[in-house]
């Protein structure tokens, strides 16, 4: 089981939303630190979820 908010959890969530590589650096998500993945998650996934709820 992947611990919620671990590096693996963020990678899994980002992949579920179609983000397989870092949008800016075009590098594999596994190469980034947990903090960088967390920022990506909130930047793309959370924002997307909020926009969906507002519609």
PDB file of N, CA and C in Angstrom:
ATOM      1  N   UNK A   1       0.838  -1.191   0.000  1.00  0.00           N
ATOM      2  CA  UNK A   1       0.000   0.000   0.000  1.00  0.00           C
ATOM      3  C   UNK A   1       0.884   1.256   0.000  1.00  0.00           C
ATOM      4  N   UNK A   2       0.495   2.215  -0.792  1.00  0.00           N
ATOM      5  CA  UNK A   2       1.255   3.465  -0.872  1.00  0.00           C
ATOM      6  C   UNK A   2       0.703   4.427   0.180  1.00  0.00           C
ATOM      7  N   UNK A   3       1.590   4.947   0.992  1.00  0.00           N
ATOM      8  CA  UNK A   3       1.186   5.884   2.032  1.00  0.00           C
ATOM      9  C   UNK A   3       0.697   7.194   1.410  1.00  0.00           C
ATOM     10  N   UNK A   4      -0.456   7.674   1.885  1.00  0.00           N
ATOM     11  CA  UNK A   4      -1.001   8.905   1.335  1.00  0.00           C
ATOM     12  C   UNK A   4      -0.025  10.052   1.555  1.00  0.00           C
ATOM     13  N   UNK A   5       0.169  10.821   0.514  1.00  0.00           N
ATOM     14  CA  UNK A   5       1.067  11.969   0.489  1.00  0.00           C
ATOM     15  C   UNK A   5       2.541  11.582   0.507  1.00  0.00           C
ATOM     16  N   UNK A   6       2.843  10.333   0.193  1.00  0.00           N
ATOM     17  CA  UNK A   6       4.238   9.953  -0.012  1.00  0.00           C
ATOM     18  C   UNK A   6       4.588  10.266  -1.466  1.00  0.00           C
ATOM     19  N   UNK A   7       5.840  10.143  -1.804  1.00  0.00           N
ATOM     20  CA  UNK A   7       6.279  10.409  -3.176  1.00  0.00           C
ATOM     21  C   UNK A   7       5.516   9.535  -4.171  1.00  0.00           C
ATOM     22  N   UNK A   8       5.382   8.259  -3.831  1.00  0.00           N
ATOM     23  CA  UNK A   8       4.665   7.330  -4.710  1.00  0.00           C
ATOM     24  C   UNK A   8       3.206   7.700  -4.892  1.00  0.00           C
ATOM     25  N   UNK A   9       2.588   8.214  -3.837  1.00  0.00           N
ATOM     26  CA  UNK A   9       1.179   8.607  -3.898  1.00  0.00           C
ATOM     27  C   UNK A   9       1.007   9.756  -4.883  1.00  0.00           C
ATOM     28  N   UNK A  10       1.894  10.744  -4.806  1.00  0.00           N
ATOM     29  CA  UNK A  10       1.809  11.883  -5.721  1.00  0.00           C
ATOM     30  C   UNK A  10       2.034  11.446  -7.165  1.00  0.00           C
ATOM     31  N   UNK A  11       3.015  10.570  -7.390  1.00  0.00           N
ATOM     32  CA  UNK A  11       3.292  10.075  -8.743  1.00  0.00           C
ATOM     33  C   UNK A  11       2.056   9.370  -9.289  1.00  0.00           C
ATOM     34  N   UNK A  12       1.444   8.539  -8.469  1.00  0.00           N
ATOM     35  CA  UNK A  12       0.259   7.781  -8.885  1.00  0.00           C
ATOM     36  C   UNK A  12      -0.892   8.723  -9.251  1.00  0.00           C
ATOM     37  N   UNK A  13      -1.152   9.709  -8.419  1.00  0.00           N
ATOM     38  CA  UNK A  13      -2.241  10.671  -8.674  1.00  0.00           C
ATOM     39  C   UNK A  13      -1.987  11.483  -9.941  1.00  0.00           C
ATOM     40  N   UNK A  14      -0.749  11.936 -10.106  1.00  0.00           N
ATOM     41  CA  UNK A  14      -0.414  12.724 -11.297  1.00  0.00           C
ATOM     42  C   UNK A  14      -0.592  11.883 -12.559  1.00  0.00           C
ATOM     43  N   UNK A  15      -0.182  10.629 -12.492  1.00  0.00           N
ATOM     44  CA  UNK A  15      -0.340   9.742 -13.653  1.00  0.00           C
ATOM     45  C   UNK A  15      -1.813   9.509 -13.967  1.00  0.00           C
ATOM     46  N   UNK A  16      -2.640   9.408 -12.924  1.00  0.00           N
ATOM     47  CA  UNK A  16      -4.078   9.222 -13.133  1.00  0.00           C
ATOM     48  C   UNK A  16      -4.677  10.405 -13.883  1.00  0.00           C
ATOM     49  N   UNK A  17      -4.077  11.561 -13.738  1.00  0.00           N
ATOM     50  CA  UNK A  17      -4.559  12.765 -14.412  1.00  0.00           C
ATOM     51  C   UNK A  17      -3.808  13.033 -15.702  1.00  0.00           C
ATOM     52  N   UNK A  18      -3.085  12.031 -16.185  1.00  0.00           N
ATOM     53  CA  UNK A  18      -2.433  12.141 -17.485  1.00  0.00           C
ATOM     54  C   UNK A  18      -1.088  12.837 -17.470  1.00  0.00           C
ATOM     55  N   UNK A  19      -0.549  13.101 -16.283  1.00  0.00           N
ATOM     56  CA  UNK A  19       0.758  13.752 -16.203  1.00  0.00           C
ATOM     57  C   UNK A  19       1.805  12.666 -15.949  1.00  0.00           C
ATOM     58  N   UNK A  20       2.495  12.270 -17.009  1.00  0.00           N
ATOM     59  CA  UNK A  20       3.459  11.170 -16.908  1.00  0.00           C
ATOM     60  C   UNK A  20       4.893  11.669 -16.752  1.00  0.00           C
ATOM     61  N   UNK A  21       5.137  12.875 -17.230  1.00  0.00           N
ATOM     62  CA  UNK A  21       6.454  13.503 -17.077  1.00  0.00           C
ATOM     63  C   UNK A  21       6.238  14.906 -16.550  1.00  0.00           C
ATOM     64  N   UNK A  22       7.272  15.496 -15.979  1.00  0.00           N
ATOM     65  CA  UNK A  22       7.187  16.856 -15.460  1.00  0.00           C
ATOM     66  C   UNK A  22       6.907  17.805 -16.629  1.00  0.00           C
ATOM     67  N   UNK A  23       5.827  18.568 -16.577  1.00  0.00           N
ATOM     68  CA  UNK A  23       5.454  19.428 -17.711  1.00  0.00           C
ATOM     69  C   UNK A  23       6.531  20.437 -18.102  1.00  0.00           C
ATOM     70  N   UNK A  24       7.294  20.892 -17.125  1.00  0.00           N
ATOM     71  CA  UNK A  24       8.302  21.912 -17.407  1.00  0.00           C
ATOM     72  C   UNK A  24       9.628  21.298 -17.873  1.00  0.00           C
ATOM     73  N   UNK A  25      10.056  20.223 -17.204  1.00  0.00           N
ATOM     74  CA  UNK A  25      11.376  19.650 -17.493  1.00  0.00           C
ATOM     75  C   UNK A  25      11.341  18.420 -18.379  1.00  0.00           C
ATOM     76  N   UNK A  26      10.145  17.908 -18.644  1.00  0.00           N
ATOM     77  CA  UNK A  26       9.955  16.707 -19.483  1.00  0.00           C
ATOM     78  C   UNK A  26      10.756  15.509 -18.973  1.00  0.00           C
ATOM     79  N   UNK A  27      10.899  15.429 -17.650  1.00  0.00           N
ATOM     80  CA  UNK A  27      11.622  14.323 -17.043  1.00  0.00           C
ATOM     81  C   UNK A  27      10.654  13.419 -16.292  1.00  0.00           C
ATOM     82  N   UNK A  28      11.055  12.176 -16.124  1.00  0.00           N
ATOM     83  CA  UNK A  28      10.241  11.189 -15.423  1.00  0.00           C
ATOM     84  C   UNK A  28       9.934  11.661 -14.007  1.00  0.00           C
ATOM     85  N   UNK A  29       8.688  11.495 -13.569  1.00  0.00           N
ATOM     86  CA  UNK A  29       8.260  11.974 -12.250  1.00  0.00           C
ATOM     87  C   UNK A  29       9.065  11.367 -11.106  1.00  0.00           C
ATOM     88  N   UNK A  30       9.541  10.151 -11.284  1.00  0.00           N
ATOM     89  CA  UNK A  30      10.288   9.477 -10.230  1.00  0.00           C
ATOM     90  C   UNK A  30      11.613  10.154  -9.884  1.00  0.00           C
ATOM     91  N   UNK A  31      12.070  11.051 -10.747  1.00  0.00           N
ATOM     92  CA  UNK A  31      13.348  11.730 -10.525  1.00  0.00           C
ATOM     93  C   UNK A  31      13.219  12.927  -9.589  1.00  0.00           C
ATOM     94  N   UNK A  32      11.995  13.324  -9.288  1.00  0.00           N
ATOM     95  CA  UNK A  32      11.792  14.539  -8.505  1.00  0.00           C
ATOM     96  C   UNK A  32      11.549  14.243  -7.038  1.00  0.00           C
ATOM     97  N   UNK A  33      11.848  15.226  -6.207  1.00  0.00           N
ATOM     98  CA  UNK A  33      11.636  15.096  -4.765  1.00  0.00           C
ATOM     99  C   UNK A  33      10.149  15.153  -4.454  1.00  0.00           C
ATOM    100  N   UNK A  34       9.805  14.651  -3.281  1.00  0.00           N
ATOM    101  CA  UNK A  34       8.401  14.654  -2.859  1.00  0.00           C
ATOM    102  C   UNK A  34       7.822  16.068  -2.863  1.00  0.00           C
ATOM    103  N   UNK A  35       8.604  17.041  -2.409  1.00  0.00           N
ATOM    104  CA  UNK A  35       8.107  18.423  -2.349  1.00  0.00           C
ATOM    105  C   UNK A  35       7.776  18.957  -3.750  1.00  0.00           C
ATOM    106  N   UNK A  36       8.597  18.601  -4.741  1.00  0.00           N
ATOM    107  CA  UNK A  36       8.341  19.049  -6.110  1.00  0.00           C
ATOM    108  C   UNK A  36       7.084  18.389  -6.665  1.00  0.00           C
ATOM    109  N   UNK A  37       6.920  17.106  -6.336  1.00  0.00           N
ATOM    110  CA  UNK A  37       5.729  16.391  -6.790  1.00  0.00           C
ATOM    111  C   UNK A  37       4.481  16.954  -6.123  1.00  0.00           C
ATOM    112  N   UNK A  38       4.602  17.323  -4.851  1.00  0.00           N
ATOM    113  CA  UNK A  38       3.467  17.909  -4.130  1.00  0.00           C
ATOM    114  C   UNK A  38       3.060  19.225  -4.796  1.00  0.00           C
ATOM    115  N   UNK A  39       4.037  20.040  -5.152  1.00  0.00           N
ATOM    116  CA  UNK A  39       3.735  21.306  -5.831  1.00  0.00           C
ATOM    117  C   UNK A  39       3.032  21.068  -7.164  1.00  0.00           C
ATOM    118  N   UNK A  40       3.527  20.109  -7.920  1.00  0.00           N
ATOM    119  CA  UNK A  40       2.900  19.767  -9.200  1.00  0.00           C
ATOM    120  C   UNK A  40       1.463  19.311  -8.988  1.00  0.00           C
ATOM    121  N   UNK A  41       1.283  18.460  -7.983  1.00  0.00           N
ATOM    122  CA  UNK A  41      -0.041  17.926  -7.686  1.00  0.00           C
ATOM    123  C   UNK A  41      -1.022  19.057  -7.417  1.00  0.00           C
ATOM    124  N   UNK A  42      -0.645  19.970  -6.528  1.00  0.00           N
ATOM    125  CA  UNK A  42      -1.557  21.063  -6.187  1.00  0.00           C
ATOM    126  C   UNK A  42      -1.733  22.038  -7.349  1.00  0.00           C
ATOM    127  N   UNK A  43      -0.707  22.189  -8.133  1.00  0.00           N
ATOM    128  CA  UNK A  43      -0.773  23.099  -9.274  1.00  0.00           C
ATOM    129  C   UNK A  43      -1.715  22.577 -10.358  1.00  0.00           C
ATOM    130  N   UNK A  44      -1.677  21.276 -10.617  1.00  0.00           N
ATOM    131  CA  UNK A  44      -2.460  20.723 -11.718  1.00  0.00           C
ATOM    132  C   UNK A  44      -3.712  19.977 -11.262  1.00  0.00           C
ATOM    133  N   UNK A  45      -3.559  19.029 -10.378  1.00  0.00           N
ATOM    134  CA  UNK A  45      -4.672  18.157  -9.999  1.00  0.00           C
ATOM    135  C   UNK A  45      -5.705  18.889  -9.146  1.00  0.00           C
ATOM    136  N   UNK A  46      -5.262  19.550  -8.086  1.00  0.00           N
ATOM    137  CA  UNK A  46      -6.192  20.262  -7.206  1.00  0.00           C
ATOM    138  C   UNK A  46      -6.907  21.376  -7.971  1.00  0.00           C
ATOM    139  N   UNK A  47      -6.168  22.105  -8.780  1.00  0.00           N
ATOM    140  CA  UNK A  47      -6.746  23.203  -9.554  1.00  0.00           C
ATOM    141  C   UNK A  47      -7.814  22.666 -10.505  1.00  0.00           C
ATOM    142  N   UNK A  48      -7.515  21.555 -11.139  1.00  0.00           N
ATOM    143  CA  UNK A  48      -8.436  20.918 -12.069  1.00  0.00           C
ATOM    144  C   UNK A  48      -9.712  20.481 -11.348  1.00  0.00           C
ATOM    145  N   UNK A  49      -9.564  19.932 -10.135  1.00  0.00           N
ATOM    146  CA  UNK A  49     -10.710  19.473  -9.365  1.00  0.00           C
ATOM    147  C   UNK A  49     -11.572  20.657  -8.937  1.00  0.00           C
ATOM    148  N   UNK A  50     -10.948  21.770  -8.549  1.00  0.00           N
ATOM    149  CA  UNK A  50     -11.702  22.960  -8.146  1.00  0.00           C
ATOM    150  C   UNK A  50     -12.471  23.547  -9.330  1.00  0.00           C
ATOM    151  N   UNK A  51     -11.840  23.580 -10.496  1.00  0.00           N
ATOM    152  CA  UNK A  51     -12.507  24.109 -11.679  1.00  0.00           C
ATOM    153  C   UNK A  51     -13.696  23.251 -12.061  1.00  0.00           C
ATOM    154  N   UNK A  52     -13.572  21.951 -11.897  1.00  0.00           N
ATOM    155  CA  UNK A  52     -14.651  21.026 -12.223  1.00  0.00           C
ATOM    156  C   UNK A  52     -15.832  21.237 -11.285  1.00  0.00           C
ATOM    157  N   UNK A  53     -15.543  21.465 -10.015  1.00  0.00           N
ATOM    158  CA  UNK A  53     -16.600  21.678  -9.020  1.00  0.00           C
ATOM    159  C   UNK A  53     -17.338  22.984  -9.261  1.00  0.00           C
ATOM    160  N   UNK A  54     -16.672  23.980  -9.800  1.00  0.00           N
ATOM    161  CA  UNK A  54     -17.287  25.287  -9.999  1.00  0.00           C
ATOM    162  C   UNK A  54     -18.237  25.315 -11.191  1.00  0.00           C
ATOM    163  N   UNK A  55     -18.093  24.361 -12.097  1.00  0.00           N
ATOM    164  CA  UNK A  55     -18.919  24.332 -13.310  1.00  0.00           C
ATOM    165  C   UNK A  55     -20.327  23.859 -13.017  1.00  0.00           C
TER     166      UNK A  55
END
